[in-house]
Amino acid sequence: MPAECAATDAAGPFSPVGEQLDLRDIHLPEQPGFWPPAPGWWLLAAVLLAVLISGGRLGWRAWRRWRRRRVLLAELERLRADLDAGPALAAAVSALLKRVALSRYPRAEVAPLTGDAWLAFLERTGGEGRFAEGPGRALADAPYAPDAAAVDGPGLLAAARSWLLRNS
């Protein structure tokens, strides 16, 4: 037997392998860093950002619409308090409704409307029968009526309020 083999045999068949081979312990790789995130996180961030932006825009529009409606209804209440039922109330309510209609519908469609055409427009856009045959009829008749008793003030204001709620 050669001398080299004798040295290994001297350790015996059950000697630890680590002493025979120059092995090192297992080293785990480092944990991945926080930055840059994986592509899925970028996609999730983009989707969340889009949802937040569109939700913010919808919320802003709803708030502006609510604020506008509140101002218009407050103006209608001011008309109720300031004017007696008569031609002046009918003219003021008609002007308020015309102003709202001009801001919501095409100017060319709304601006030239007067009399029965104006009432037909109000009916078509949410009048529920209150303008053509109901108390809203005063918008066309009151400026030419000889007395203030011809105007149903509370009925006219209720019809105007209903129309404003649908169109503001």
Foldseek 3Di string as FASTA:
>chain_A
DDPVVVVVCVCPPPDDVCVVDVDDDDDDDDDDDPPPDDPVVVVVVVVVVVVVVVVVVVVVVVVVLVVVLVVLLVVLVVLVVPDDQALVSLQVLLVSVLVLCVVQDPCVQRVVDAAPRNLVVLVVQFQVPCCNPRLVVCNRVRVPDPDRVVHPNVSNSVSSSRSSVSRD
